[in-house]
Protein backbone atom coordinates (compact mmCIF):
# COMPACT_ATOMS: atom_id res chain seq x y z
CA MET A 1 -19.92 1.88 49.98
CA VAL A 2 -16.36 1.75 48.68
CA PRO A 3 -14.92 5.27 48.06
CA VAL A 4 -14.39 6.13 44.38
CA LEU A 5 -10.63 6.23 44.58
CA LEU A 6 -10.11 3.36 46.98
CA ALA A 7 -9.56 -0.21 45.87
CA THR A 8 -11.92 -2.86 47.17
CA VAL A 9 -9.09 -5.08 48.31
CA GLY A 10 -5.65 -4.67 49.79
CA PHE A 11 -4.64 -1.48 51.57
CA GLY A 12 -7.47 0.56 52.98
CA CYS A 13 -9.63 -2.42 53.97
CA LYS A 14 -11.27 -1.86 57.31
CA ARG A 15 -10.52 -5.46 58.20
CA SER A 16 -7.11 -7.07 58.07
CA CYS A 17 -6.45 -8.12 54.49
CA ALA A 18 -3.33 -9.34 52.76
CA PRO A 19 -2.76 -7.38 49.52
CA GLY A 20 -4.90 -8.91 46.81
CA GLN A 21 -6.40 -11.47 49.20
CA PRO A 22 -9.78 -10.35 50.56
CA GLY A 23 -10.28 -11.59 54.08
CA GLY A 24 -6.67 -12.76 54.40
CA THR A 25 -5.36 -13.15 57.92
CA ALA A 26 -1.62 -13.37 57.23
CA LYS A 27 0.31 -11.06 59.54
CA LYS A 28 1.81 -8.13 57.68
CA GLN A 29 5.38 -7.01 58.12
CA PRO A 30 5.84 -3.59 59.74
CA VAL A 31 6.46 -0.77 57.29
CA GLU A 32 7.79 2.72 58.03
CA LEU A 33 7.34 5.50 55.48
CA THR A 34 8.93 8.95 55.41
CA PHE A 35 6.95 11.86 53.98
CA TRP A 36 8.47 15.28 53.20
CA GLY A 37 6.20 18.28 52.83
CA ILE A 38 6.26 22.05 52.44
CA PHE A 39 3.76 24.84 53.15
CA THR A 40 1.73 22.27 55.08
CA GLU A 41 1.74 22.09 58.86
CA SER A 42 2.06 18.78 60.66
CA SER A 43 -1.28 19.48 62.34
CA GLN A 44 -2.94 19.43 58.91
CA ILE A 45 -1.32 16.13 57.88
CA GLU A 46 -1.49 14.20 61.15
CA PRO A 47 -5.27 13.54 61.06
CA LEU A 48 -4.84 11.85 57.67
CA ILE A 49 -1.92 9.80 58.95
CA ARG A 50 -3.73 8.73 62.13
CA ALA A 51 -6.83 7.67 60.21
CA PHE A 52 -4.75 5.65 57.75
CA GLU A 53 -2.63 4.01 60.44
CA ALA A 54 -5.77 3.03 62.34
CA GLN A 55 -6.86 0.95 59.35
CA ASN A 56 -3.31 -0.22 58.57
CA PRO A 57 -1.63 -0.84 61.95
CA ASN A 58 1.48 -2.35 60.34
CA ILE A 59 2.26 0.96 58.53
CA LYS A 60 3.80 3.96 60.26
CA ILE A 61 4.21 7.32 58.49
CA ASN A 62 6.70 9.97 59.66
CA TYR A 63 6.00 13.45 58.31
CA LYS A 64 8.81 16.02 58.03
CA ASN A 65 7.58 19.58 57.58
CA PHE A 66 9.93 22.03 55.83
CA GLY A 67 7.65 24.92 56.73
CA ASN A 68 7.88 27.76 54.21
CA ASP A 69 11.58 27.22 53.47
CA TYR A 70 11.19 26.66 49.76
CA PRO A 71 14.88 27.16 48.75
CA ASN A 72 16.08 24.59 51.30
CA TYR A 73 13.29 22.16 50.42
CA ARG A 74 14.04 22.35 46.71
CA THR A 75 17.76 21.80 47.36
CA GLU A 76 17.12 18.86 49.69
CA ILE A 77 14.82 17.20 47.18
CA PHE A 78 17.22 17.65 44.26
CA ASN A 79 20.17 16.37 46.29
CA ALA A 80 18.19 13.35 47.51
CA LEU A 81 17.11 12.46 43.97
CA ALA A 82 20.66 12.77 42.68
CA GLN A 83 21.97 10.47 45.41
CA GLY A 84 19.19 7.90 45.13
CA LYS A 85 18.05 8.70 48.65
CA GLY A 86 15.29 10.77 50.17
CA PRO A 87 11.74 10.13 51.37
CA ASP A 88 9.21 7.54 50.25
CA ILE A 89 6.60 10.26 49.66
CA TRP A 90 7.10 13.95 49.06
CA MET A 91 5.35 17.05 47.80
CA VAL A 92 6.21 18.58 44.43
CA HIS A 93 5.00 21.58 42.51
CA HIS A 94 2.60 20.37 39.85
CA THR A 95 4.93 21.57 37.09
CA TRP A 96 7.67 19.15 38.24
CA ILE A 97 5.78 15.92 37.55
CA LYS A 98 6.67 15.38 33.89
CA ARG A 99 10.23 16.60 34.38
CA ASP A 100 10.90 14.31 37.37
CA LYS A 101 8.95 11.34 36.03
CA ASP A 102 11.99 8.99 36.07
CA PHE A 103 12.30 9.47 39.84
CA LEU A 104 8.63 8.71 40.48
CA THR A 105 6.61 5.52 40.56
CA PRO A 106 3.05 5.52 39.19
CA CYS A 107 0.00 4.52 41.15
CA PRO A 108 -0.84 0.81 40.96
CA PRO A 109 -4.04 0.46 38.88
CA GLU A 110 -5.66 -1.74 41.52
CA LEU A 111 -5.54 1.19 43.95
CA CYS A 112 -6.71 3.87 41.53
CA ASN A 113 -7.23 3.50 37.81
CA VAL A 114 -7.05 6.26 35.23
CA GLN A 115 -10.78 6.27 34.47
CA ASN A 116 -11.77 6.79 38.12
CA PHE A 117 -9.06 9.41 38.51
CA GLU A 118 -10.35 11.36 35.50
CA GLU A 119 -13.92 11.17 36.80
CA THR A 120 -12.93 12.28 40.30
CA MET A 121 -10.26 14.96 39.92
CA VAL A 122 -10.53 18.37 38.23
CA LYS A 123 -9.16 18.81 34.71
CA ALA A 124 -5.93 20.59 35.68
CA VAL A 125 -4.99 17.72 37.99
CA VAL A 126 -5.78 15.12 35.34
CA ASP A 127 -3.71 16.97 32.73
CA ASP A 128 -0.73 17.34 35.07
CA SER A 129 -0.79 13.99 36.87
CA ILE A 130 -1.30 11.48 34.07
CA VAL A 131 1.88 10.90 32.09
CA ASP A 132 2.19 8.18 29.47
CA GLY A 133 -1.10 6.68 30.57
CA SER A 134 -0.26 6.35 34.29
CA ILE A 135 -1.06 8.41 37.39
CA TYR A 136 2.10 9.91 38.86
CA ALA A 137 0.75 12.32 41.47
CA MET A 138 -2.16 12.68 43.90
CA PRO A 139 -2.99 16.21 45.14
CA TRP A 140 -5.32 16.96 48.01
CA SER A 141 -5.92 20.60 47.11
CA LEU A 142 -5.66 23.04 44.21
CA ASP A 143 -5.44 26.82 44.37
CA THR A 144 -6.60 29.29 41.72
CA LEU A 145 -5.82 32.89 40.90
CA ALA A 146 -8.57 35.30 42.02
CA LEU A 147 -9.25 39.03 42.22
CA PHE A 148 -8.69 40.89 45.50
CA TYR A 149 -10.35 44.32 45.71
CA ASN A 150 -10.50 47.19 48.20
CA LYS A 151 -14.17 47.78 49.07
CA ASP A 152 -13.60 51.30 50.42
CA LEU A 153 -11.90 52.45 47.22
CA PHE A 154 -14.68 50.91 45.16
CA ASN A 155 -17.29 52.77 47.23
CA GLN A 156 -15.44 56.06 46.86
CA ALA A 157 -15.35 55.57 43.09
CA HIS A 158 -19.10 54.71 43.11
CA ILE A 159 -18.45 51.22 41.72
CA LEU A 160 -21.12 48.89 43.02
CA ASN A 161 -19.64 45.50 42.15
CA PRO A 162 -16.25 44.07 41.22
CA PRO A 163 -15.69 43.44 37.49
CA ARG A 164 -16.74 40.18 35.85
CA THR A 165 -15.16 40.82 32.45
CA TRP A 166 -11.95 42.48 31.30
CA GLU A 167 -13.98 45.26 29.68
CA GLU A 168 -15.53 46.08 33.06
CA PHE A 169 -12.13 45.71 34.68
CA THR A 170 -10.59 48.24 32.29
CA GLU A 171 -13.33 50.79 32.94
CA ASP A 172 -12.98 50.31 36.70
CA VAL A 173 -9.22 50.85 36.52
CA LYS A 174 -9.77 54.23 34.86
CA LYS A 175 -12.17 55.29 37.64
CA LEU A 176 -9.94 54.04 40.45
CA THR A 177 -6.58 55.46 39.30
CA LYS A 178 -5.47 58.78 40.76
CA GLN A 179 -2.42 60.91 39.90
CA ASN A 180 -1.07 64.04 41.58
CA GLU A 181 -0.20 67.31 39.85
CA LYS A 182 3.20 65.88 38.88
CA GLY A 183 1.63 62.91 37.14
CA GLN A 184 2.68 60.47 39.85
CA ILE A 185 0.33 57.61 40.61
CA ILE A 186 -0.93 58.01 44.17
CA GLN A 187 -3.72 55.44 43.89
CA ALA A 188 -3.46 52.52 41.50
CA GLY A 189 -6.53 50.95 40.00
CA ALA A 190 -4.80 47.58 39.57
CA ALA A 191 -1.38 45.96 39.80
CA LEU A 192 -0.75 45.07 36.15
CA GLY A 193 1.83 45.94 33.54
CA THR A 194 5.26 45.33 35.06
CA GLY A 195 7.08 42.19 36.14
CA GLN A 196 9.20 42.62 39.23
CA ASN A 197 6.91 44.50 41.62
CA ILE A 198 3.75 42.47 41.00
CA ASN A 199 3.08 39.29 42.92
CA ARG A 200 2.81 36.33 40.52
CA ALA A 201 3.11 38.53 37.42
CA PRO A 202 4.15 35.52 35.24
CA ASP A 203 0.98 33.66 36.25
CA ILE A 204 -1.22 36.67 35.48
CA LEU A 205 0.31 37.15 32.03
CA ALA A 206 0.11 33.43 31.22
CA LEU A 207 -3.53 33.43 32.33
CA LEU A 208 -4.33 36.32 29.98
CA MET A 209 -2.64 34.49 27.11
CA MET A 210 -4.57 31.30 27.83
CA GLN A 211 -7.89 33.15 28.12
CA ASN A 212 -7.17 34.83 24.80
CA GLY A 213 -6.64 31.52 23.01
CA ALA A 214 -2.87 31.08 23.08
CA GLN A 215 -1.57 27.51 23.37
CA MET A 216 1.32 27.72 25.80
CA THR A 217 2.90 24.45 24.64
CA ASP A 218 2.07 21.78 22.09
CA ALA A 219 -0.13 18.82 23.02
CA ASN A 220 2.87 16.74 24.10
CA ARG A 221 4.16 19.57 26.31
CA GLY A 222 7.51 19.32 24.57
CA THR A 223 7.51 22.51 22.48
CA VAL A 224 6.91 26.08 23.64
CA THR A 225 4.23 27.68 21.48
CA PHE A 226 2.78 30.65 23.39
CA ASN A 227 4.51 33.03 20.96
CA THR A 228 3.27 31.38 17.77
CA SER A 229 -0.03 29.55 18.27
CA GLY A 230 -3.65 30.30 18.89
CA ALA A 231 -7.05 30.30 17.24
CA PRO A 232 -7.73 33.31 14.95
CA ASN A 233 -10.39 35.88 15.79
CA THR A 234 -10.46 34.98 19.46
CA PRO A 235 -12.35 37.62 21.51
CA SER A 236 -9.64 39.54 23.32
CA PRO A 237 -9.54 40.80 26.92
CA ASN A 238 -10.33 44.35 25.75
CA GLY A 239 -13.29 43.20 23.68
CA SER A 240 -11.81 43.65 20.22
CA GLN A 241 -11.47 40.95 17.59
CA GLN A 242 -7.97 39.71 16.87
CA GLN A 243 -6.73 40.82 13.46
CA GLU A 244 -3.01 40.52 12.84
CA ALA A 245 -1.63 39.95 16.32
CA LEU A 246 -1.39 36.42 17.65
CA PRO A 247 -3.41 35.69 20.82
CA GLY A 248 -0.31 35.62 23.02
CA GLU A 249 0.96 38.91 21.62
CA GLU A 250 -2.40 40.61 22.01
CA ALA A 251 -2.72 39.47 25.63
CA PHE A 252 0.82 40.69 26.31
CA GLN A 253 -0.05 44.09 24.81
CA PHE A 254 -3.17 44.27 26.98
CA TYR A 255 -1.07 43.51 30.06
CA THR A 256 1.70 46.05 29.43
CA ASP A 257 -0.74 48.83 28.48
CA PHE A 258 -1.48 49.23 32.20
CA ALA A 259 2.14 50.39 32.65
CA SER A 260 2.22 52.72 29.64
CA PRO A 261 1.74 56.48 30.33
CA LYS A 262 0.50 56.79 26.73
CA LYS A 263 -2.54 54.60 27.40
CA GLU A 264 -5.86 55.45 29.04
CA THR A 265 -5.44 52.42 31.30
CA TYR A 266 -2.11 53.64 32.73
CA THR A 267 -2.23 52.76 36.43
CA TRP A 268 1.04 51.12 37.43
CA ASN A 269 4.80 51.49 37.02
CA SER A 270 8.08 50.22 38.46
CA LEU A 271 8.04 52.90 41.17
CA GLN A 272 4.93 51.48 42.84
CA HIS A 273 5.37 49.49 46.03
CA TYR A 274 5.23 45.71 45.68
CA SER A 275 1.62 44.83 44.88
CA ILE A 276 0.77 43.09 48.16
CA ASP A 277 2.35 45.92 50.17
CA ALA A 278 0.47 48.55 48.16
CA PHE A 279 -2.78 46.67 48.68
CA VAL A 280 -2.17 46.47 52.43
CA GLU A 281 -1.35 50.19 52.51
CA GLY A 282 -4.69 50.99 50.86
CA THR A 283 -3.19 52.62 47.75
CA LEU A 284 -4.07 49.75 45.38
CA ALA A 285 -7.67 48.95 44.47
CA MET A 286 -7.25 45.56 42.76
CA MET A 287 -4.67 42.79 42.60
CA PHE A 288 -4.54 39.13 41.66
CA SER A 289 -3.36 36.41 44.00
CA TYR A 290 -4.04 33.02 45.57
CA SER A 291 -5.97 31.96 48.66
CA TYR A 292 -2.89 31.67 50.84
CA HIS A 293 -2.36 35.44 50.70
CA ALA A 294 -5.70 36.32 52.31
CA PRO A 295 -4.52 35.49 55.87
CA THR A 296 -1.31 37.47 55.25
CA ILE A 297 -3.30 40.55 54.24
CA GLN A 298 -5.64 40.19 57.21
CA LEU A 299 -2.68 39.92 59.56
CA LYS A 300 -0.87 42.95 58.12
CA ALA A 301 -3.97 45.13 57.78
CA PRO A 302 -6.73 43.94 60.16
CA ASN A 303 -8.82 47.05 59.44
CA LEU A 304 -8.62 46.80 55.65
CA ASP A 305 -12.06 46.16 54.17
CA PHE A 306 -11.34 43.95 51.17
CA GLY A 307 -13.11 41.26 49.23
CA VAL A 308 -12.13 38.36 47.00
CA THR A 309 -14.03 37.52 43.86
CA LEU A 310 -13.86 35.44 40.69
CA LEU A 311 -11.23 36.19 38.08
CA PRO A 312 -12.41 38.43 35.20
CA GLN A 313 -13.06 36.58 31.95
CA VAL A 314 -13.02 37.43 28.26
CA SER A 315 -16.54 38.51 27.33
CA GLY A 316 -18.07 35.84 25.11
CA GLY A 317 -15.05 33.60 25.49
CA ARG A 318 -14.49 30.25 27.16
CA GLU A 319 -14.04 30.48 30.94
CA VAL A 320 -10.42 29.88 31.86
CA ASN A 321 -8.88 30.09 35.33
CA PHE A 322 -5.32 29.49 36.49
CA ALA A 323 -4.24 26.56 38.66
CA ASN A 324 -1.29 26.57 41.03
CA TYR A 325 -0.77 23.80 43.58
CA TRP A 326 1.48 21.28 45.27
CA THR A 327 0.86 17.57 44.90
CA ASN A 328 2.12 14.28 46.34
CA VAL A 329 4.34 11.68 44.67
CA VAL A 330 6.00 8.35 45.50
CA ALA A 331 9.68 7.67 44.96
CA THR A 332 10.89 5.02 42.53
CA ARG A 333 13.54 3.98 45.04
CA THR A 334 11.15 3.11 47.86
CA PRO A 335 10.61 -0.62 48.53
CA TYR A 336 7.12 0.27 49.79
CA LYS A 337 5.51 1.62 46.63
CA LYS A 338 2.09 0.09 47.20
CA GLU A 339 1.94 1.09 50.86
CA ALA A 340 2.93 4.68 50.02
CA TRP A 341 0.38 4.96 47.24
CA SER A 342 -2.28 3.42 49.46
CA PHE A 343 -1.87 6.33 51.85
CA LEU A 344 -2.12 8.95 49.09
CA VAL A 345 -5.23 7.30 47.65
CA PHE A 346 -6.77 6.94 51.11
CA ALA A 347 -6.27 10.64 51.86
CA ALA A 348 -7.84 11.58 48.50
CA GLN A 349 -11.20 10.10 49.48
CA LYS A 350 -13.95 12.70 49.62
CA GLU A 351 -14.29 12.71 53.41
CA MET A 352 -10.53 12.77 53.98
CA MET A 353 -9.88 15.53 51.47
CA GLN A 354 -12.73 17.60 52.85
CA LYS A 355 -11.22 17.30 56.33
CA PHE A 356 -7.76 18.26 55.04
CA CYS A 357 -9.07 21.30 53.14
CA GLU A 358 -11.11 22.48 56.12
CA ASP A 359 -8.10 22.21 58.41
CA SER A 360 -5.65 23.79 55.96
CA ARG A 361 -8.11 26.37 54.56
CA ARG A 362 -7.42 25.32 50.97
CA PRO A 363 -9.58 24.69 47.90
CA PRO A 364 -9.95 20.95 47.10
CA SER A 365 -8.84 19.08 43.99
CA ARG A 366 -11.87 16.80 43.71
CA ARG A 367 -14.67 17.73 41.33
CA ASP A 368 -17.40 16.81 43.81
CA LEU A 369 -16.05 19.25 46.42
CA TYR A 370 -16.05 22.44 44.34
CA GLN A 371 -18.98 23.78 46.37
CA MET A 372 -17.65 22.89 49.81
CA PHE A 373 -16.82 26.51 50.66
CA ASP A 374 -19.94 28.14 49.19
CA ASN A 375 -20.77 29.61 52.61
CA ASP A 376 -17.24 30.90 53.13
CA PRO A 377 -16.74 34.29 51.38
CA GLU A 378 -12.97 34.03 51.70
CA LEU A 379 -12.53 30.65 50.01
CA GLN A 380 -15.63 30.44 47.82
CA PRO A 381 -14.17 32.24 44.75
CA PHE A 382 -11.01 30.11 44.67
CA THR A 383 -12.94 26.87 45.10
CA ASN A 384 -15.65 27.68 42.57
CA GLN A 385 -12.95 28.13 39.92
CA ILE A 386 -11.32 24.69 40.24
CA LEU A 387 -13.50 23.08 37.54
CA THR A 388 -12.30 25.56 34.90
CA ALA A 389 -8.72 25.92 36.14
CA GLU A 390 -5.90 25.08 33.75
CA SER A 391 -2.14 24.90 34.04
CA TRP A 392 0.71 24.81 31.58
CA TYR A 393 3.92 22.82 31.59
CA ARG A 394 7.17 24.51 32.62
CA SER A 395 10.18 22.26 33.06
CA ASP A 396 11.48 24.69 35.70
CA ASN A 397 8.84 26.97 37.16
CA ASP A 398 11.36 29.23 38.94
CA LYS A 399 13.41 29.85 35.80
CA THR A 400 10.22 30.34 33.81
CA ASP A 401 9.12 33.04 36.25
CA ALA A 402 12.45 34.80 35.79
CA ILE A 403 12.21 34.57 32.00
CA PHE A 404 8.67 35.96 31.99
CA GLU A 405 9.58 38.82 34.32
CA GLU A 406 12.54 39.76 32.13
CA MET A 407 10.31 39.53 29.03
CA ILE A 408 7.84 41.94 30.61
CA GLU A 409 10.48 44.40 31.78
CA ASP A 410 12.19 44.45 28.36
CA VAL A 411 8.93 45.55 26.76
CA VAL A 412 7.97 48.06 29.45
CA LEU A 413 11.42 49.66 29.33
CA GLY A 414 11.36 49.79 25.53
CA LYS A 415 14.33 47.46 25.05
CA LYS A 416 12.34 45.12 22.78
CA ASN A 417 8.98 45.02 21.08
CA ILE A 418 6.48 42.36 22.04
CA PRO A 419 7.17 39.84 19.23
CA GLU A 420 10.94 40.07 19.83
CA ALA A 421 10.62 39.66 23.59
CA MET A 422 8.25 36.71 23.26
CA THR A 423 10.39 34.96 20.65
CA GLU A 424 13.52 35.23 22.80
CA ALA A 425 11.68 34.11 25.94
CA ALA A 426 10.20 31.11 24.13
CA ALA A 427 13.64 30.16 22.79
CA GLU A 428 15.12 30.27 26.31
CA MET A 429 12.34 28.06 27.63
CA GLN A 430 12.71 25.64 24.75
CA THR A 431 16.42 25.27 25.50
CA MET A 432 15.59 24.72 29.15
CA MET A 433 13.06 22.00 28.28
CA LYS A 434 15.65 20.08 26.30
């Protein structure tokens, strides 16, 4: 049976075939491709490369791993693009695809057409990867935001199960938060409310906005709208019905209330240790993060009894989770566009992707693999959320993070009210998009 994403002719044939000529015996010219990657070890990529080269002996792929050196990787990529140089294939953050479209070449339809892609990949990948009717990226995994919780602190607070809704979450926070006689927080129920000392605070706030009905950008992803749009009367995270506040504003209020001493949900402030550190120290009961942080926590605190579970949802609302991932693209400048795309399509087959995700311990990006880690408590929550994961377009994800963090801090410190902070942040992002 021919894999869903793989063409029936050309590259990927188990027998020697000239492109577009089934059964052709013409000798192919040798091709050498360079592939730059980040956050992905060579040992995780090499099995894919070896399997592809075995079926395509005229193609050799050289993988360069930048490790975890994100600043250097980003600089190298930008410099290479500016000079018309660089690799044939490289990894990009999913938010870069639309912005860098002019430097990328789309997938040839004979290798993977849009209809098969939409049927095979999860919604977030389809939304991000298809630009102007063509496929510009091919991811092999997709991470989602999930809830990490300290089982010992839950037991001490007589909480049997982690929260499934934001109403339950709010009640749990009240039970789990402890202050000393001076009013200082000595045990935090959750890391929410501030910007700079919470891991992935911009993602958490954006997720709350999206769950609450805010449209982060317009349909064309050209106009920032998280501060102005949204369906009226959307059930909110705290269970109330929206009246005057827009969905984005209401979600922002919900978020910052956890850092307000005037609120019942007060549990966090700028004096708390960075969220991951506090969680490792055992003074934080709940935090939100991605699958790649689980091994870090286990390494730093091998005796910490913690669990990972699904992200809380708005009660009665549509399930929305948050996608964050790196994907693979092909350069416009490469003379080997079809060969490069053949490799990406080959590695996106079900069996190949399953192997890659098992080796790299990552959730997959294919719809038919969302249950592959059902017997793995560590990865099951992240993977089960991929079907309902969504993302939103940021022309520069790093600058967007900085803008969101500043927006949060301005509100928490009382420099601006929520509508003012959101309006200014949206204006900055709009200027950046242009």
